[in-house]
Amino acid sequence: MKKIINTPHAPAPIGPYNQAVVFGNTIYISGQIPLHPVTGELVMDSIQSETKQVMENLKAILTAADMTFENVVKASIFISDMNNFGAINEVYGAYFNNETAPARETVQVSCLPKNVNVEISMIAIK
C-alpha cells in the first residue's frame, strides 16, 4: 500500500500531485524546483542558489520519510541551459559521496515550471 509524504519543510505541491509517495521500501519524490517552503518565493539569485534550494527541498522530503541522500538510487535533473551543468553539478555533488552516488541523467528542456532553471526528482530505497 502506498503512503503519501507531504512535509511543511518543502514547498507544497503546485498541482494535483504529492511531494512523494512511498511504496514498500521505495520513495518516489516529485520534481522539486527552487521554491522556498516558508515564503513560497522562488530562489533565483544564481544557478547555485537555485540548485541548493532544490536540494534542500529534496532533503526535507527524504527526512520526512526517514531517509537521507545515502538512500537515493536514481536522480533526474532537468535544466533549462546545459551551460549551467557545471555549476549545478558542483552544488548537487556536495550532497553525495562519490563512491555511493546514485544513477542519474541530466536533460536540457525548453521550459520548466515557473520558468526556473533547474528541477530534480529522485527515487530512494530504505
PDB file of N, CA and C in Angstrom:
ATOM      1  N   MET A   1       0.840  -1.191   0.000  1.00  0.00           N
ATOM      2  CA  MET A   1       0.000   0.000   0.000  1.00  0.00           C
ATOM      3  C   MET A   1       0.880   1.248   0.000  1.00  0.00           C
ATOM      4  N   LYS A   2       0.456   2.238  -0.742  1.00  0.00           N
ATOM      5  CA  LYS A   2       1.283   3.437  -0.822  1.00  0.00           C
ATOM      6  C   LYS A   2       0.986   4.392   0.330  1.00  0.00           C
ATOM      7  N   LYS A   3       2.027   5.143   0.693  1.00  0.00           N
ATOM      8  CA  LYS A   3       1.934   6.146   1.749  1.00  0.00           C
ATOM      9  C   LYS A   3       2.349   7.476   1.132  1.00  0.00           C
ATOM     10  N   ILE A   4       1.573   8.508   1.393  1.00  0.00           N
ATOM     11  CA  ILE A   4       1.852   9.843   0.871  1.00  0.00           C
ATOM     12  C   ILE A   4       2.748  10.599   1.847  1.00  0.00           C
ATOM     13  N   ILE A   5       3.754  11.261   1.305  1.00  0.00           N
ATOM     14  CA  ILE A   5       4.651  12.115   2.104  1.00  0.00           C
ATOM     15  C   ILE A   5       4.404  13.564   1.697  1.00  0.00           C
ATOM     16  N   ASN A   6       4.046  14.377   2.664  1.00  0.00           N
ATOM     17  CA  ASN A   6       3.940  15.824   2.490  1.00  0.00           C
ATOM     18  C   ASN A   6       4.482  16.463   3.761  1.00  0.00           C
ATOM     19  N   THR A   7       5.474  17.288   3.636  1.00  0.00           N
ATOM     20  CA  THR A   7       6.070  17.952   4.788  1.00  0.00           C
ATOM     21  C   THR A   7       6.012  19.466   4.603  1.00  0.00           C
ATOM     22  N   PRO A   8       5.793  20.206   5.682  1.00  0.00           N
ATOM     23  CA  PRO A   8       5.813  21.662   5.574  1.00  0.00           C
ATOM     24  C   PRO A   8       7.223  22.217   5.362  1.00  0.00           C
ATOM     25  N   HIS A   9       8.230  21.353   5.449  1.00  0.00           N
ATOM     26  CA  HIS A   9       9.616  21.784   5.284  1.00  0.00           C
ATOM     27  C   HIS A   9      10.069  21.773   3.825  1.00  0.00           C
ATOM     28  N   ALA A  10       9.140  21.432   2.930  1.00  0.00           N
ATOM     29  CA  ALA A  10       9.379  21.510   1.482  1.00  0.00           C
ATOM     30  C   ALA A  10       8.162  22.208   0.886  1.00  0.00           C
ATOM     31  N   PRO A  11       8.288  22.772  -0.305  1.00  0.00           N
ATOM     32  CA  PRO A  11       7.160  23.501  -0.904  1.00  0.00           C
ATOM     33  C   PRO A  11       5.940  22.607  -1.119  1.00  0.00           C
ATOM     34  N   ALA A  12       4.781  23.179  -0.879  1.00  0.00           N
ATOM     35  CA  ALA A  12       3.535  22.460  -1.151  1.00  0.00           C
ATOM     36  C   ALA A  12       3.415  22.239  -2.649  1.00  0.00           C
ATOM     37  N   PRO A  13       2.829  21.131  -3.066  1.00  0.00           N
ATOM     38  CA  PRO A  13       2.642  20.889  -4.499  1.00  0.00           C
ATOM     39  C   PRO A  13       1.852  22.022  -5.166  1.00  0.00           C
ATOM     40  N   ILE A  14       2.197  22.297  -6.435  1.00  0.00           N
ATOM     41  CA  ILE A  14       1.509  23.360  -7.170  1.00  0.00           C
ATOM     42  C   ILE A  14       0.556  22.768  -8.216  1.00  0.00           C
ATOM     43  N   GLY A  15       0.179  21.520  -8.006  1.00  0.00           N
ATOM     44  CA  GLY A  15      -0.733  20.835  -8.918  1.00  0.00           C
ATOM     45  C   GLY A  15      -1.280  19.582  -8.264  1.00  0.00           C
ATOM     46  N   PRO A  16      -1.934  18.724  -9.040  1.00  0.00           N
ATOM     47  CA  PRO A  16      -2.549  17.513  -8.486  1.00  0.00           C
ATOM     48  C   PRO A  16      -1.528  16.374  -8.303  1.00  0.00           C
ATOM     49  N   TYR A  17      -0.603  16.574  -7.369  1.00  0.00           N
ATOM     50  CA  TYR A  17       0.397  15.557  -7.042  1.00  0.00           C
ATOM     51  C   TYR A  17       0.838  15.759  -5.603  1.00  0.00           C
ATOM     52  N   ASN A  18       1.606  14.835  -5.069  1.00  0.00           N
ATOM     53  CA  ASN A  18       2.160  14.936  -3.724  1.00  0.00           C
ATOM     54  C   ASN A  18       3.669  15.093  -3.810  1.00  0.00           C
ATOM     55  N   GLN A  19       4.262  15.544  -2.715  1.00  0.00           N
ATOM     56  CA  GLN A  19       5.713  15.706  -2.688  1.00  0.00           C
ATOM     57  C   GLN A  19       6.402  14.372  -2.957  1.00  0.00           C
ATOM     58  N   ALA A  20       5.847  13.310  -2.385  1.00  0.00           N
ATOM     59  CA  ALA A  20       6.446  11.989  -2.574  1.00  0.00           C
ATOM     60  C   ALA A  20       5.432  10.901  -2.246  1.00  0.00           C
ATOM     61  N   VAL A  21       5.718   9.729  -2.775  1.00  0.00           N
ATOM     62  CA  VAL A  21       4.914   8.540  -2.489  1.00  0.00           C
ATOM     63  C   VAL A  21       5.872   7.429  -2.096  1.00  0.00           C
ATOM     64  N   VAL A  22       5.575   6.776  -0.978  1.00  0.00           N
ATOM     65  CA  VAL A  22       6.346   5.616  -0.548  1.00  0.00           C
ATOM     66  C   VAL A  22       5.525   4.376  -0.886  1.00  0.00           C
ATOM     67  N   PHE A  23       6.167   3.422  -1.535  1.00  0.00           N
ATOM     68  CA  PHE A  23       5.535   2.142  -1.824  1.00  0.00           C
ATOM     69  C   PHE A  23       6.537   1.067  -1.438  1.00  0.00           C
ATOM     70  N   GLY A  24       6.182   0.262  -0.468  1.00  0.00           N
ATOM     71  CA  GLY A  24       7.135  -0.709   0.065  1.00  0.00           C
ATOM     72  C   GLY A  24       8.290   0.030   0.712  1.00  0.00           C
ATOM     73  N   ASN A  25       9.505  -0.277   0.272  1.00  0.00           N
ATOM     74  CA  ASN A  25      10.681   0.404   0.839  1.00  0.00           C
ATOM     75  C   ASN A  25      11.258   1.458  -0.108  1.00  0.00           C
ATOM     76  N   THR A  26      10.441   1.867  -1.098  1.00  0.00           N
ATOM     77  CA  THR A  26      10.902   2.821  -2.101  1.00  0.00           C
ATOM     78  C   THR A  26      10.118   4.123  -2.019  1.00  0.00           C
ATOM     79  N   ILE A  27      10.831   5.232  -2.115  1.00  0.00           N
ATOM     80  CA  ILE A  27      10.177   6.546  -2.152  1.00  0.00           C
ATOM     81  C   ILE A  27      10.418   7.162  -3.533  1.00  0.00           C
ATOM     82  N   TYR A  28       9.344   7.667  -4.100  1.00  0.00           N
ATOM     83  CA  TYR A  28       9.380   8.358  -5.381  1.00  0.00           C
ATOM     84  C   TYR A  28       9.106   9.831  -5.094  1.00  0.00           C
ATOM     85  N   ILE A  29      10.106  10.681  -5.300  1.00  0.00           N
ATOM     86  CA  ILE A  29       9.983  12.097  -4.964  1.00  0.00           C
ATOM     87  C   ILE A  29       9.693  12.890  -6.234  1.00  0.00           C
ATOM     88  N   SER A  30       8.629  13.659  -6.184  1.00  0.00           N
ATOM     89  CA  SER A  30       8.258  14.518  -7.312  1.00  0.00           C
ATOM     90  C   SER A  30       9.343  15.548  -7.559  1.00  0.00           C
ATOM     91  N   GLY A  31       9.411  16.016  -8.795  1.00  0.00           N
ATOM     92  CA  GLY A  31      10.379  17.041  -9.158  1.00  0.00           C
ATOM     93  C   GLY A  31      10.240  18.262  -8.270  1.00  0.00           C
ATOM     94  N   GLN A  32      11.381  18.717  -7.773  1.00  0.00           N
ATOM     95  CA  GLN A  32      11.416  19.893  -6.910  1.00  0.00           C
ATOM     96  C   GLN A  32      12.073  21.044  -7.656  1.00  0.00           C
ATOM     97  N   ILE A  33      11.483  22.215  -7.491  1.00  0.00           N
ATOM     98  CA  ILE A  33      12.027  23.441  -8.057  1.00  0.00           C
ATOM     99  C   ILE A  33      12.457  24.344  -6.897  1.00  0.00           C
ATOM    100  N   PRO A  34      13.146  25.448  -7.157  1.00  0.00           N
ATOM    101  CA  PRO A  34      13.685  26.269  -6.072  1.00  0.00           C
ATOM    102  C   PRO A  34      12.664  27.178  -5.380  1.00  0.00           C
ATOM    103  N   LEU A  35      11.565  26.601  -4.959  1.00  0.00           N
ATOM    104  CA  LEU A  35      10.589  27.342  -4.149  1.00  0.00           C
ATOM    105  C   LEU A  35      10.986  27.238  -2.685  1.00  0.00           C
ATOM    106  N   HIS A  36      11.015  28.363  -1.994  1.00  0.00           N
ATOM    107  CA  HIS A  36      11.306  28.355  -0.559  1.00  0.00           C
ATOM    108  C   HIS A  36      10.051  27.878   0.160  1.00  0.00           C
ATOM    109  N   PRO A  37      10.141  26.859   1.026  1.00  0.00           N
ATOM    110  CA  PRO A  37       8.944  26.289   1.649  1.00  0.00           C
ATOM    111  C   PRO A  37       8.205  27.226   2.597  1.00  0.00           C
ATOM    112  N   VAL A  38       8.888  28.173   3.188  1.00  0.00           N
ATOM    113  CA  VAL A  38       8.243  29.086   4.146  1.00  0.00           C
ATOM    114  C   VAL A  38       7.637  30.294   3.443  1.00  0.00           C
ATOM    115  N   THR A  39       8.413  30.917   2.575  1.00  0.00           N
ATOM    116  CA  THR A  39       7.938  32.148   1.932  1.00  0.00           C
ATOM    117  C   THR A  39       7.126  31.883   0.664  1.00  0.00           C
ATOM    118  N   GLY A  40       7.337  30.709   0.053  1.00  0.00           N
ATOM    119  CA  GLY A  40       6.674  30.415  -1.205  1.00  0.00           C
ATOM    120  C   GLY A  40       7.280  31.154  -2.385  1.00  0.00           C
ATOM    121  N   GLU A  41       8.385  31.867  -2.131  1.00  0.00           N
ATOM    122  CA  GLU A  41       9.063  32.632  -3.179  1.00  0.00           C
ATOM    123  C   GLU A  41      10.098  31.761  -3.887  1.00  0.00           C
ATOM    124  N   LEU A  42      10.330  32.065  -5.148  1.00  0.00           N
ATOM    125  CA  LEU A  42      11.387  31.393  -5.886  1.00  0.00           C
ATOM    126  C   LEU A  42      12.746  31.926  -5.453  1.00  0.00           C
ATOM    127  N   VAL A  43      13.715  31.040  -5.311  1.00  0.00           N
ATOM    128  CA  VAL A  43      15.089  31.418  -5.011  1.00  0.00           C
ATOM    129  C   VAL A  43      15.823  31.427  -6.350  1.00  0.00           C
ATOM    130  N   MET A  44      16.046  32.618  -6.894  1.00  0.00           N
ATOM    131  CA  MET A  44      16.593  32.751  -8.245  1.00  0.00           C
ATOM    132  C   MET A  44      17.816  33.669  -8.285  1.00  0.00           C
ATOM    133  N   ASP A  45      18.539  33.801  -7.166  1.00  0.00           N
ATOM    134  CA  ASP A  45      19.704  34.693  -7.100  1.00  0.00           C
ATOM    135  C   ASP A  45      20.809  34.266  -8.060  1.00  0.00           C
ATOM    136  N   SER A  46      21.029  32.960  -8.159  1.00  0.00           N
ATOM    137  CA  SER A  46      22.063  32.399  -9.035  1.00  0.00           C
ATOM    138  C   SER A  46      21.699  30.945  -9.286  1.00  0.00           C
ATOM    139  N   ILE A  47      22.336  30.321 -10.260  1.00  0.00           N
ATOM    140  CA  ILE A  47      22.054  28.906 -10.519  1.00  0.00           C
ATOM    141  C   ILE A  47      22.488  28.055  -9.325  1.00  0.00           C
ATOM    142  N   GLN A  48      23.528  28.506  -8.615  1.00  0.00           N
ATOM    143  CA  GLN A  48      23.963  27.785  -7.418  1.00  0.00           C
ATOM    144  C   GLN A  48      22.906  27.863  -6.321  1.00  0.00           C
ATOM    145  N   SER A  49      22.336  29.046  -6.092  1.00  0.00           N
ATOM    146  CA  SER A  49      21.324  29.174  -5.039  1.00  0.00           C
ATOM    147  C   SER A  49      20.046  28.439  -5.426  1.00  0.00           C
ATOM    148  N   GLU A  50      19.711  28.436  -6.714  1.00  0.00           N
ATOM    149  CA  GLU A  50      18.548  27.661  -7.170  1.00  0.00           C
ATOM    150  C   GLU A  50      18.753  26.181  -6.884  1.00  0.00           C
ATOM    151  N   THR A  51      19.909  25.676  -7.268  1.00  0.00           N
ATOM    152  CA  THR A  51      20.193  24.254  -7.082  1.00  0.00           C
ATOM    153  C   THR A  51      20.228  23.893  -5.606  1.00  0.00           C
ATOM    154  N   LYS A  52      20.831  24.751  -4.794  1.00  0.00           N
ATOM    155  CA  LYS A  52      20.882  24.484  -3.346  1.00  0.00           C
ATOM    156  C   LYS A  52      19.475  24.413  -2.767  1.00  0.00           C
ATOM    157  N   GLN A  53      18.575  25.310  -3.163  1.00  0.00           N
ATOM    158  CA  GLN A  53      17.201  25.276  -2.645  1.00  0.00           C
ATOM    159  C   GLN A  53      16.492  23.995  -3.071  1.00  0.00           C
ATOM    160  N   VAL A  54      16.700  23.585  -4.323  1.00  0.00           N
ATOM    161  CA  VAL A  54      16.114  22.334  -4.798  1.00  0.00           C
ATOM    162  C   VAL A  54      16.610  21.166  -3.946  1.00  0.00           C
ATOM    163  N   MET A  55      17.909  21.116  -3.705  1.00  0.00           N
ATOM    164  CA  MET A  55      18.478  20.018  -2.911  1.00  0.00           C
ATOM    165  C   MET A  55      17.993  20.055  -1.467  1.00  0.00           C
ATOM    166  N   GLU A  56      17.829  21.246  -0.904  1.00  0.00           N
ATOM    167  CA  GLU A  56      17.304  21.352   0.461  1.00  0.00           C
ATOM    168  C   GLU A  56      15.842  20.894   0.511  1.00  0.00           C
ATOM    169  N   ASN A  57      15.074  21.177  -0.532  1.00  0.00           N
ATOM    170  CA  ASN A  57      13.690  20.690  -0.589  1.00  0.00           C
ATOM    171  C   ASN A  57      13.664  19.168  -0.652  1.00  0.00           C
ATOM    172  N   LEU A  58      14.533  18.593  -1.469  1.00  0.00           N
ATOM    173  CA  LEU A  58      14.620  17.137  -1.561  1.00  0.00           C
ATOM    174  C   LEU A  58      15.056  16.532  -0.230  1.00  0.00           C
ATOM    175  N   LYS A  59      16.014  17.170   0.423  1.00  0.00           N
ATOM    176  CA  LYS A  59      16.489  16.705   1.729  1.00  0.00           C
ATOM    177  C   LYS A  59      15.349  16.686   2.754  1.00  0.00           C
ATOM    178  N   ALA A  60      14.513  17.718   2.751  1.00  0.00           N
ATOM    179  CA  ALA A  60      13.384  17.783   3.689  1.00  0.00           C
ATOM    180  C   ALA A  60      12.400  16.638   3.445  1.00  0.00           C
ATOM    181  N   ILE A  61      12.165  16.313   2.199  1.00  0.00           N
ATOM    182  CA  ILE A  61      11.248  15.219   1.870  1.00  0.00           C
ATOM    183  C   ILE A  61      11.859  13.880   2.266  1.00  0.00           C
ATOM    184  N   LEU A  62      13.130  13.692   1.974  1.00  0.00           N
ATOM    185  CA  LEU A  62      13.806  12.466   2.404  1.00  0.00           C
ATOM    186  C   LEU A  62      13.754  12.326   3.925  1.00  0.00           C
ATOM    187  N   THR A  63      14.009  13.407   4.639  1.00  0.00           N
ATOM    188  CA  THR A  63      13.970  13.391   6.103  1.00  0.00           C
ATOM    189  C   THR A  63      12.582  13.016   6.605  1.00  0.00           C
ATOM    190  N   ALA A  64      11.540  13.546   5.975  1.00  0.00           N
ATOM    191  CA  ALA A  64      10.159  13.225   6.381  1.00  0.00           C
ATOM    192  C   ALA A  64       9.856  11.742   6.191  1.00  0.00           C
ATOM    193  N   ALA A  65      10.586  11.101   5.290  1.00  0.00           N
ATOM    194  CA  ALA A  65      10.405   9.664   5.050  1.00  0.00           C
ATOM    195  C   ALA A  65      11.462   8.833   5.794  1.00  0.00           C
ATOM    196  N   ASP A  66      12.165   9.459   6.731  1.00  0.00           N
ATOM    197  CA  ASP A  66      13.234   8.807   7.495  1.00  0.00           C
ATOM    198  C   ASP A  66      14.338   8.253   6.604  1.00  0.00           C
ATOM    199  N   MET A  67      14.724   9.026   5.602  1.00  0.00           N
ATOM    200  CA  MET A  67      15.815   8.650   4.701  1.00  0.00           C
ATOM    201  C   MET A  67      16.779   9.812   4.562  1.00  0.00           C
ATOM    202  N   THR A  68      17.901   9.546   3.888  1.00  0.00           N
ATOM    203  CA  THR A  68      18.902  10.567   3.600  1.00  0.00           C
ATOM    204  C   THR A  68      19.321  10.430   2.132  1.00  0.00           C
ATOM    205  N   PHE A  69      20.232  11.272   1.693  1.00  0.00           N
ATOM    206  CA  PHE A  69      20.739  11.173   0.337  1.00  0.00           C
ATOM    207  C   PHE A  69      21.466   9.852   0.101  1.00  0.00           C
ATOM    208  N   GLU A  70      21.927   9.197   1.158  1.00  0.00           N
ATOM    209  CA  GLU A  70      22.567   7.880   1.020  1.00  0.00           C
ATOM    210  C   GLU A  70      21.578   6.835   0.513  1.00  0.00           C
ATOM    211  N   ASN A  71      20.277   7.058   0.710  1.00  0.00           N
ATOM    212  CA  ASN A  71      19.256   6.122   0.249  1.00  0.00           C
ATOM    213  C   ASN A  71      18.891   6.306  -1.225  1.00  0.00           C
ATOM    214  N   VAL A  72      19.317   7.420  -1.830  1.00  0.00           N
ATOM    215  CA  VAL A  72      18.921   7.739  -3.201  1.00  0.00           C
ATOM    216  C   VAL A  72      19.637   6.804  -4.176  1.00  0.00           C
ATOM    217  N   VAL A  73      18.837   6.177  -5.068  1.00  0.00           N
ATOM    218  CA  VAL A  73      19.399   5.277  -6.073  1.00  0.00           C
ATOM    219  C   VAL A  73      19.297   5.848  -7.489  1.00  0.00           C
ATOM    220  N   LYS A  74      18.455   6.860  -7.686  1.00  0.00           N
ATOM    221  CA  LYS A  74      18.243   7.429  -9.022  1.00  0.00           C
ATOM    222  C   LYS A  74      17.844   8.883  -8.892  1.00  0.00           C
ATOM    223  N   ALA A  75      18.452   9.733  -9.699  1.00  0.00           N
ATOM    224  CA  ALA A  75      18.095  11.151  -9.745  1.00  0.00           C
ATOM    225  C   ALA A  75      17.907  11.551 -11.202  1.00  0.00           C
ATOM    226  N   SER A  76      16.960  12.437 -11.422  1.00  0.00           N
ATOM    227  CA  SER A  76      16.731  13.015 -12.747  1.00  0.00           C
ATOM    228  C   SER A  76      16.826  14.524 -12.613  1.00  0.00           C
ATOM    229  N   ILE A  77      17.711  15.116 -13.401  1.00  0.00           N
ATOM    230  CA  ILE A  77      17.906  16.565 -13.354  1.00  0.00           C
ATOM    231  C   ILE A  77      17.460  17.147 -14.687  1.00  0.00           C
ATOM    232  N   PHE A  78      16.595  18.132 -14.597  1.00  0.00           N
ATOM    233  CA  PHE A  78      16.100  18.836 -15.779  1.00  0.00           C
ATOM    234  C   PHE A  78      16.591  20.272 -15.678  1.00  0.00           C
ATOM    235  N   ILE A  79      17.275  20.739 -16.728  1.00  0.00           N
ATOM    236  CA  ILE A  79      17.826  22.089 -16.709  1.00  0.00           C
ATOM    237  C   ILE A  79      17.432  22.834 -17.982  1.00  0.00           C
ATOM    238  N   SER A  80      17.346  24.139 -17.859  1.00  0.00           N
ATOM    239  CA  SER A  80      16.936  24.961 -18.998  1.00  0.00           C
ATOM    240  C   SER A  80      18.102  25.322 -19.909  1.00  0.00           C
ATOM    241  N   ASP A  81      19.336  25.173 -19.407  1.00  0.00           N
ATOM    242  CA  ASP A  81      20.506  25.554 -20.190  1.00  0.00           C
ATOM    243  C   ASP A  81      21.682  24.655 -19.809  1.00  0.00           C
ATOM    244  N   MET A  82      22.144  23.842 -20.741  1.00  0.00           N
ATOM    245  CA  MET A  82      23.233  22.907 -20.462  1.00  0.00           C
ATOM    246  C   MET A  82      24.518  23.634 -20.077  1.00  0.00           C
ATOM    247  N   ASN A  83      24.614  24.921 -20.381  1.00  0.00           N
ATOM    248  CA  ASN A  83      25.779  25.700 -19.952  1.00  0.00           C
ATOM    249  C   ASN A  83      25.855  25.827 -18.434  1.00  0.00           C
ATOM    250  N   ASN A  84      24.747  25.562 -17.724  1.00  0.00           N
ATOM    251  CA  ASN A  84      24.726  25.608 -16.263  1.00  0.00           C
ATOM    252  C   ASN A  84      25.097  24.270 -15.632  1.00  0.00           C
ATOM    253  N   PHE A  85      25.375  23.263 -16.460  1.00  0.00           N
ATOM    254  CA  PHE A  85      25.634  21.919 -15.956  1.00  0.00           C
ATOM    255  C   PHE A  85      26.719  21.891 -14.885  1.00  0.00           C
ATOM    256  N   GLY A  86      27.850  22.538 -15.137  1.00  0.00           N
ATOM    257  CA  GLY A  86      28.963  22.510 -14.193  1.00  0.00           C
ATOM    258  C   GLY A  86      28.602  23.082 -12.832  1.00  0.00           C
ATOM    259  N   ALA A  87      27.936  24.220 -12.828  1.00  0.00           N
ATOM    260  CA  ALA A  87      27.556  24.865 -11.561  1.00  0.00           C
ATOM    261  C   ALA A  87      26.522  24.027 -10.810  1.00  0.00           C
ATOM    262  N   ILE A  88      25.559  23.485 -11.539  1.00  0.00           N
ATOM    263  CA  ILE A  88      24.540  22.622 -10.922  1.00  0.00           C
ATOM    264  C   ILE A  88      25.207  21.379 -10.353  1.00  0.00           C
ATOM    265  N   ASN A  89      26.078  20.761 -11.131  1.00  0.00           N
ATOM    266  CA  ASN A  89      26.759  19.541 -10.720  1.00  0.00           C
ATOM    267  C   ASN A  89      27.593  19.751  -9.466  1.00  0.00           C
ATOM    268  N   GLU A  90      28.223  20.914  -9.357  1.00  0.00           N
ATOM    269  CA  GLU A  90      29.046  21.214  -8.181  1.00  0.00           C
ATOM    270  C   GLU A  90      28.196  21.250  -6.916  1.00  0.00           C
ATOM    271  N   VAL A  91      27.054  21.924  -6.960  1.00  0.00           N
ATOM    272  CA  VAL A  91      26.167  22.001  -5.793  1.00  0.00           C
ATOM    273  C   VAL A  91      25.564  20.627  -5.512  1.00  0.00           C
ATOM    274  N   TYR A  92      25.030  19.983  -6.530  1.00  0.00           N
ATOM    275  CA  TYR A  92      24.426  18.657  -6.393  1.00  0.00           C
ATOM    276  C   TYR A  92      25.421  17.678  -5.772  1.00  0.00           C
ATOM    277  N   GLY A  93      26.640  17.673  -6.280  1.00  0.00           N
ATOM    278  CA  GLY A  93      27.660  16.741  -5.823  1.00  0.00           C
ATOM    279  C   GLY A  93      28.019  16.886  -4.354  1.00  0.00           C
ATOM    280  N   ALA A  94      27.842  18.071  -3.800  1.00  0.00           N
ATOM    281  CA  ALA A  94      28.156  18.295  -2.389  1.00  0.00           C
ATOM    282  C   ALA A  94      27.234  17.508  -1.458  1.00  0.00           C
ATOM    283  N   TYR A  95      26.109  17.035  -1.959  1.00  0.00           N
ATOM    284  CA  TYR A  95      25.145  16.292  -1.149  1.00  0.00           C
ATOM    285  C   TYR A  95      25.379  14.782  -1.192  1.00  0.00           C
ATOM    286  N   PHE A  96      26.347  14.328  -1.984  1.00  0.00           N
ATOM    287  CA  PHE A  96      26.584  12.899  -2.153  1.00  0.00           C
ATOM    288  C   PHE A  96      28.037  12.540  -1.940  1.00  0.00           C
ATOM    289  N   ASN A  97      28.262  11.288  -1.565  1.00  0.00           N
ATOM    290  CA  ASN A  97      29.579  10.695  -1.514  1.00  0.00           C
ATOM    291  C   ASN A  97      29.808  10.097  -2.902  1.00  0.00           C
ATOM    292  N   ASN A  98      30.905  10.429  -3.554  1.00  0.00           N
ATOM    293  CA  ASN A  98      31.157   9.958  -4.925  1.00  0.00           C
ATOM    294  C   ASN A  98      31.076   8.440  -5.060  1.00  0.00           C
ATOM    295  N   GLU A  99      31.527   7.710  -4.046  1.00  0.00           N
ATOM    296  CA  GLU A  99      31.541   6.246  -4.120  1.00  0.00           C
ATOM    297  C   GLU A  99      30.138   5.643  -4.069  1.00  0.00           C
ATOM    298  N   THR A 100      29.184   6.362  -3.479  1.00  0.00           N
ATOM    299  CA  THR A 100      27.826   5.808  -3.340  1.00  0.00           C
ATOM    300  C   THR A 100      26.775   6.678  -4.028  1.00  0.00           C
ATOM    301  N   ALA A 101      27.211   7.581  -4.885  1.00  0.00           N
ATOM    302  CA  ALA A 101      26.276   8.480  -5.580  1.00  0.00           C
ATOM    303  C   ALA A 101      25.300   7.653  -6.429  1.00  0.00           C
ATOM    304  N   PRO A 102      24.082   8.174  -6.619  1.00  0.00           N
ATOM    305  CA  PRO A 102      23.075   7.429  -7.372  1.00  0.00           C
ATOM    306  C   PRO A 102      23.302   7.475  -8.881  1.00  0.00           C
ATOM    307  N   ALA A 103      22.566   6.625  -9.586  1.00  0.00           N
ATOM    308  CA  ALA A 103      22.496   6.743 -11.041  1.00  0.00           C
ATOM    309  C   ALA A 103      21.784   8.061 -11.338  1.00  0.00           C
ATOM    310  N   ARG A 104      22.021   8.619 -12.542  1.00  0.00           N
ATOM    311  CA  ARG A 104      21.455   9.940 -12.820  1.00  0.00           C
ATOM    312  C   ARG A 104      21.468  10.237 -14.306  1.00  0.00           C
ATOM    313  N   GLU A 105      20.533  11.072 -14.719  1.00  0.00           N
ATOM    314  CA  GLU A 105      20.611  11.690 -16.024  1.00  0.00           C
ATOM    315  C   GLU A 105      20.344  13.175 -15.848  1.00  0.00           C
ATOM    316  N   THR A 106      20.920  13.948 -16.771  1.00  0.00           N
ATOM    317  CA  THR A 106      20.693  15.387 -16.809  1.00  0.00           C
ATOM    318  C   THR A 106      20.220  15.719 -18.218  1.00  0.00           C
ATOM    319  N   VAL A 107      19.067  16.360 -18.301  1.00  0.00           N
ATOM    320  CA  VAL A 107      18.442  16.633 -19.588  1.00  0.00           C
ATOM    321  C   VAL A 107      18.130  18.117 -19.706  1.00  0.00           C
ATOM    322  N   GLN A 108      18.507  18.711 -20.825  1.00  0.00           N
ATOM    323  CA  GLN A 108      18.100  20.095 -21.093  1.00  0.00           C
ATOM    324  C   GLN A 108      16.699  20.084 -21.678  1.00  0.00           C
ATOM    325  N   VAL A 109      15.838  20.947 -21.118  1.00  0.00           N
ATOM    326  CA  VAL A 109      14.457  21.064 -21.583  1.00  0.00           C
ATOM    327  C   VAL A 109      14.193  22.512 -21.989  1.00  0.00           C
ATOM    328  N   SER A 110      13.137  22.719 -22.737  1.00  0.00           N
ATOM    329  CA  SER A 110      12.876  24.078 -23.236  1.00  0.00           C
ATOM    330  C   SER A 110      12.273  24.991 -22.176  1.00  0.00           C
ATOM    331  N   CYS A 111      11.546  24.424 -21.218  1.00  0.00           N
ATOM    332  CA  CYS A 111      10.909  25.254 -20.191  1.00  0.00           C
ATOM    333  C   CYS A 111      10.586  24.389 -18.980  1.00  0.00           C
ATOM    334  N   LEU A 112      10.707  24.989 -17.799  1.00  0.00           N
ATOM    335  CA  LEU A 112      10.364  24.312 -16.541  1.00  0.00           C
ATOM    336  C   LEU A 112       9.279  25.104 -15.831  1.00  0.00           C
ATOM    337  N   PRO A 113       8.588  24.475 -14.858  1.00  0.00           N
ATOM    338  CA  PRO A 113       7.542  25.199 -14.132  1.00  0.00           C
ATOM    339  C   PRO A 113       8.049  26.522 -13.554  1.00  0.00           C
ATOM    340  N   LYS A 114       7.238  27.529 -13.654  1.00  0.00           N
ATOM    341  CA  LYS A 114       7.542  28.871 -13.135  1.00  0.00           C
ATOM    342  C   LYS A 114       8.819  29.465 -13.752  1.00  0.00           C
ATOM    343  N   ASN A 115       9.214  28.940 -14.896  1.00  0.00           N
ATOM    344  CA  ASN A 115      10.401  29.417 -15.614  1.00  0.00           C
ATOM    345  C   ASN A 115      11.695  29.335 -14.807  1.00  0.00           C
ATOM    346  N   VAL A 116      11.795  28.308 -13.942  1.00  0.00           N
ATOM    347  CA  VAL A 116      13.029  28.111 -13.183  1.00  0.00           C
ATOM    348  C   VAL A 116      14.078  27.491 -14.100  1.00  0.00           C
ATOM    349  N   ASN A 117      15.285  27.385 -13.604  1.00  0.00           N
ATOM    350  CA  ASN A 117      16.391  26.863 -14.398  1.00  0.00           C
ATOM    351  C   ASN A 117      16.766  25.425 -14.081  1.00  0.00           C
ATOM    352  N   VAL A 118      16.233  24.883 -12.965  1.00  0.00           N
ATOM    353  CA  VAL A 118      16.582  23.510 -12.580  1.00  0.00           C
ATOM    354  C   VAL A 118      15.420  22.877 -11.811  1.00  0.00           C
ATOM    355  N   GLU A 119      15.193  21.589 -12.101  1.00  0.00           N
ATOM    356  CA  GLU A 119      14.216  20.771 -11.384  1.00  0.00           C
ATOM    357  C   GLU A 119      14.851  19.393 -11.225  1.00  0.00           C
ATOM    358  N   ILE A 120      14.697  18.811 -10.024  1.00  0.00           N
ATOM    359  CA  ILE A 120      15.298  17.494  -9.756  1.00  0.00           C
ATOM    360  C   ILE A 120      14.257  16.599  -9.085  1.00  0.00           C
ATOM    361  N   SER A 121      14.169  15.365  -9.560  1.00  0.00           N
ATOM    362  CA  SER A 121      13.354  14.335  -8.909  1.00  0.00           C
ATOM    363  C   SER A 121      14.273  13.190  -8.496  1.00  0.00           C
ATOM    364  N   MET A 122      13.807  12.373  -7.546  1.00  0.00           N
ATOM    365  CA  MET A 122      14.646  11.283  -7.032  1.00  0.00           C
ATOM    366  C   MET A 122      13.814  10.056  -6.685  1.00  0.00           C
ATOM    367  N   ILE A 123      14.514   8.929  -6.680  1.00  0.00           N
ATOM    368  CA  ILE A 123      13.969   7.669  -6.177  1.00  0.00           C
ATOM    369  C   ILE A 123      14.971   7.179  -5.131  1.00  0.00           C
ATOM    370  N   ALA A 124      14.458   6.768  -3.972  1.00  0.00           N
ATOM    371  CA  ALA A 124      15.320   6.275  -2.895  1.00  0.00           C
ATOM    372  C   ALA A 124      14.744   4.991  -2.324  1.00  0.00           C
ATOM    373  N   ILE A 125      15.618   4.167  -1.793  1.00  0.00           N
ATOM    374  CA  ILE A 125      15.218   2.887  -1.199  1.00  0.00           C
ATOM    375  C   ILE A 125      15.746   2.820   0.213  1.00  0.00           C
ATOM    376  N   LYS A 126      14.898   2.365   1.120  1.00  0.00           N
ATOM    377  CA  LYS A 126      15.265   2.246   2.538  1.00  0.00           C
ATOM    378  C   LYS A 126      15.943   0.916   2.780  1.00  0.00           C
TER     379      LYS A 126
END
